[in-house]
Amino acid sequence: MNFVNGLTNDQHVNITSFSLTNVVVKSGNTQYTPAATIDADGNLIVTGLSSGDTVSWTTSGSHNRVLIEN
């Protein structure tokens, strides 16, 4: 399985829990609505973050890479 394109021997590890901290809801005239869910494949989907927000997670096993897409 190549979870990250171009890198071999990848193995997907499910995310089992998460937390969002330092969530800024409004900055100036910009409104943020942070939200996160774990999809059926065990991926964490996060939306609505602003500068300074922190995302933490735990997984079902050990891993050596994290794929973050913007």
N, C-alpha and C. Protein backbone atom coordinates (compact mmCIF):
# COMPACT_ATOMS: atom_id res chain seq x y z
N MET A 1 0.84 -1.18 0.00
CA MET A 1 0.00 0.00 0.00
C MET A 1 0.89 1.24 0.00
N ASN A 2 0.59 2.20 -0.84
CA ASN A 2 1.30 3.48 -0.86
C ASN A 2 0.34 4.56 -0.40
N PHE A 3 0.30 4.78 0.91
CA PHE A 3 -0.60 5.78 1.47
C PHE A 3 -0.21 7.18 1.02
N VAL A 4 1.10 7.42 0.91
CA VAL A 4 1.62 8.69 0.39
C VAL A 4 2.21 8.40 -0.98
N ASN A 5 1.73 9.06 -2.04
CA ASN A 5 2.21 8.81 -3.39
C ASN A 5 3.72 8.97 -3.47
N GLY A 6 4.39 8.01 -4.10
CA GLY A 6 5.82 8.07 -4.31
C GLY A 6 6.65 7.50 -3.17
N LEU A 7 6.04 7.22 -2.04
CA LEU A 7 6.76 6.62 -0.91
C LEU A 7 6.26 5.19 -0.76
N THR A 8 7.18 4.25 -0.67
CA THR A 8 6.79 2.85 -0.61
C THR A 8 6.74 2.36 0.83
N ASN A 9 6.15 1.19 0.99
CA ASN A 9 6.03 0.52 2.29
C ASN A 9 5.25 1.34 3.31
N ASP A 10 4.29 2.12 2.84
CA ASP A 10 3.43 2.86 3.76
C ASP A 10 2.35 1.93 4.29
N GLN A 11 1.93 2.18 5.50
CA GLN A 11 0.82 1.44 6.07
C GLN A 11 -0.10 2.43 6.75
N HIS A 12 -1.36 2.43 6.34
CA HIS A 12 -2.36 3.32 6.94
C HIS A 12 -2.64 2.88 8.37
N VAL A 13 -2.66 3.84 9.29
CA VAL A 13 -3.01 3.59 10.69
C VAL A 13 -4.22 4.46 11.01
N ASN A 14 -5.27 3.86 11.54
CA ASN A 14 -6.49 4.60 11.83
C ASN A 14 -6.31 5.58 12.98
N ILE A 15 -6.92 6.74 12.86
CA ILE A 15 -7.01 7.69 13.96
C ILE A 15 -8.21 7.28 14.79
N THR A 16 -8.02 7.18 16.11
CA THR A 16 -9.08 6.69 16.98
C THR A 16 -9.72 7.78 17.83
N SER A 17 -9.00 8.89 18.07
CA SER A 17 -9.57 10.02 18.81
C SER A 17 -8.79 11.27 18.47
N PHE A 18 -9.36 12.44 18.78
CA PHE A 18 -8.71 13.70 18.46
C PHE A 18 -9.19 14.80 19.40
N SER A 19 -8.47 15.92 19.40
CA SER A 19 -8.93 17.11 20.11
C SER A 19 -8.47 18.35 19.35
N LEU A 20 -9.27 19.40 19.44
CA LEU A 20 -8.94 20.70 18.87
C LEU A 20 -8.80 21.66 20.05
N THR A 21 -7.68 22.40 20.12
CA THR A 21 -7.47 23.34 21.22
C THR A 21 -7.06 24.70 20.70
N ASN A 22 -7.17 25.70 21.57
CA ASN A 22 -6.87 27.10 21.23
C ASN A 22 -7.69 27.55 20.03
N VAL A 23 -8.93 27.13 19.99
CA VAL A 23 -9.79 27.42 18.85
C VAL A 23 -10.24 28.88 18.89
N VAL A 24 -9.88 29.62 17.85
CA VAL A 24 -10.30 31.01 17.70
C VAL A 24 -11.57 31.02 16.86
N VAL A 25 -12.66 31.53 17.41
CA VAL A 25 -13.93 31.52 16.70
C VAL A 25 -14.08 32.76 15.82
N LYS A 26 -13.55 33.90 16.28
CA LYS A 26 -13.66 35.12 15.48
C LYS A 26 -12.37 35.92 15.62
N SER A 27 -11.86 36.39 14.49
CA SER A 27 -10.67 37.23 14.46
C SER A 27 -10.95 38.40 13.53
N GLY A 28 -11.10 39.59 14.10
CA GLY A 28 -11.49 40.73 13.27
C GLY A 28 -12.88 40.49 12.72
N ASN A 29 -13.02 40.61 11.41
CA ASN A 29 -14.32 40.37 10.76
C ASN A 29 -14.45 38.95 10.22
N THR A 30 -13.46 38.10 10.49
CA THR A 30 -13.47 36.73 9.97
C THR A 30 -14.00 35.76 11.02
N GLN A 31 -15.01 34.98 10.66
CA GLN A 31 -15.61 33.99 11.54
C GLN A 31 -15.06 32.61 11.18
N TYR A 32 -14.60 31.86 12.18
CA TYR A 32 -14.09 30.50 11.97
C TYR A 32 -15.04 29.51 12.65
N THR A 33 -15.25 28.38 12.01
CA THR A 33 -16.08 27.33 12.58
C THR A 33 -15.30 26.02 12.54
N PRO A 34 -14.39 25.80 13.50
CA PRO A 34 -13.59 24.58 13.51
C PRO A 34 -14.47 23.35 13.72
N ALA A 35 -14.16 22.30 12.98
CA ALA A 35 -14.89 21.04 13.12
C ALA A 35 -13.96 19.91 12.71
N ALA A 36 -14.18 18.72 13.27
CA ALA A 36 -13.38 17.56 12.91
C ALA A 36 -14.22 16.30 13.05
N THR A 37 -13.97 15.34 12.17
CA THR A 37 -14.63 14.04 12.21
C THR A 37 -13.64 12.98 11.78
N ILE A 38 -13.87 11.76 12.21
CA ILE A 38 -13.10 10.61 11.75
C ILE A 38 -13.98 9.88 10.75
N ASP A 39 -13.49 9.74 9.50
CA ASP A 39 -14.31 9.09 8.47
C ASP A 39 -14.25 7.57 8.59
N ALA A 40 -14.98 6.87 7.74
CA ALA A 40 -15.08 5.41 7.79
C ALA A 40 -13.74 4.71 7.56
N ASP A 41 -12.79 5.39 6.90
CA ASP A 41 -11.47 4.81 6.64
C ASP A 41 -10.47 5.10 7.76
N GLY A 42 -10.90 5.78 8.83
CA GLY A 42 -10.00 6.09 9.94
C GLY A 42 -9.17 7.34 9.74
N ASN A 43 -9.55 8.17 8.76
CA ASN A 43 -8.85 9.43 8.52
C ASN A 43 -9.51 10.55 9.31
N LEU A 44 -8.72 11.48 9.80
CA LEU A 44 -9.26 12.65 10.50
C LEU A 44 -9.44 13.77 9.49
N ILE A 45 -10.66 14.28 9.38
CA ILE A 45 -10.98 15.37 8.46
C ILE A 45 -11.23 16.61 9.33
N VAL A 46 -10.42 17.66 9.12
CA VAL A 46 -10.50 18.87 9.93
C VAL A 46 -10.78 20.05 9.01
N THR A 47 -11.70 20.92 9.41
CA THR A 47 -12.01 22.12 8.64
C THR A 47 -12.14 23.32 9.57
N GLY A 48 -11.99 24.51 9.01
CA GLY A 48 -12.28 25.74 9.73
C GLY A 48 -11.26 26.20 10.74
N LEU A 49 -10.02 25.72 10.65
CA LEU A 49 -9.00 26.14 11.60
C LEU A 49 -8.49 27.54 11.30
N SER A 50 -7.99 28.19 12.32
CA SER A 50 -7.35 29.49 12.15
C SER A 50 -5.95 29.44 12.76
N SER A 51 -5.20 30.48 12.57
CA SER A 51 -3.84 30.56 13.09
C SER A 51 -3.84 30.35 14.61
N GLY A 52 -2.97 29.48 15.08
CA GLY A 52 -2.86 29.21 16.51
C GLY A 52 -3.66 28.02 17.00
N ASP A 53 -4.56 27.49 16.19
CA ASP A 53 -5.31 26.30 16.58
C ASP A 53 -4.38 25.09 16.58
N THR A 54 -4.66 24.13 17.46
CA THR A 54 -3.84 22.92 17.56
C THR A 54 -4.73 21.69 17.40
N VAL A 55 -4.25 20.73 16.62
CA VAL A 55 -4.95 19.46 16.43
C VAL A 55 -4.08 18.36 17.01
N SER A 56 -4.65 17.56 17.90
CA SER A 56 -3.95 16.41 18.49
C SER A 56 -4.76 15.16 18.18
N TRP A 57 -4.07 14.02 18.06
CA TRP A 57 -4.79 12.78 17.77
C TRP A 57 -4.06 11.59 18.33
N THR A 58 -4.80 10.49 18.49
CA THR A 58 -4.22 9.20 18.85
C THR A 58 -4.56 8.23 17.72
N THR A 59 -3.74 7.19 17.60
CA THR A 59 -3.92 6.23 16.51
C THR A 59 -4.04 4.81 17.06
N SER A 60 -4.45 3.90 16.19
CA SER A 60 -4.62 2.50 16.57
C SER A 60 -3.30 1.74 16.60
N GLY A 61 -2.20 2.37 16.20
CA GLY A 61 -0.90 1.71 16.21
C GLY A 61 0.21 2.71 15.94
N SER A 62 1.42 2.20 15.90
CA SER A 62 2.58 3.06 15.64
C SER A 62 2.62 3.49 14.18
N HIS A 63 3.18 4.67 13.94
CA HIS A 63 3.33 5.16 12.57
C HIS A 63 4.53 6.09 12.52
N ASN A 64 5.06 6.28 11.31
CA ASN A 64 6.23 7.15 11.16
C ASN A 64 5.99 8.30 10.19
N ARG A 65 4.77 8.45 9.71
CA ARG A 65 4.44 9.55 8.79
C ARG A 65 3.02 10.02 9.04
N VAL A 66 2.80 11.28 8.70
CA VAL A 66 1.45 11.85 8.72
C VAL A 66 1.25 12.59 7.41
N LEU A 67 0.16 12.34 6.73
CA LEU A 67 -0.16 13.04 5.50
C LEU A 67 -1.14 14.16 5.82
N ILE A 68 -0.72 15.39 5.56
CA ILE A 68 -1.57 16.56 5.79
C ILE A 68 -1.79 17.24 4.46
N GLU A 69 -3.05 17.40 4.09
CA GLU A 69 -3.40 18.07 2.84
C GLU A 69 -4.12 19.36 3.18
N ASN A 70 -3.82 20.38 2.40
CA ASN A 70 -4.45 21.68 2.63
C ASN A 70 -5.39 22.00 1.49
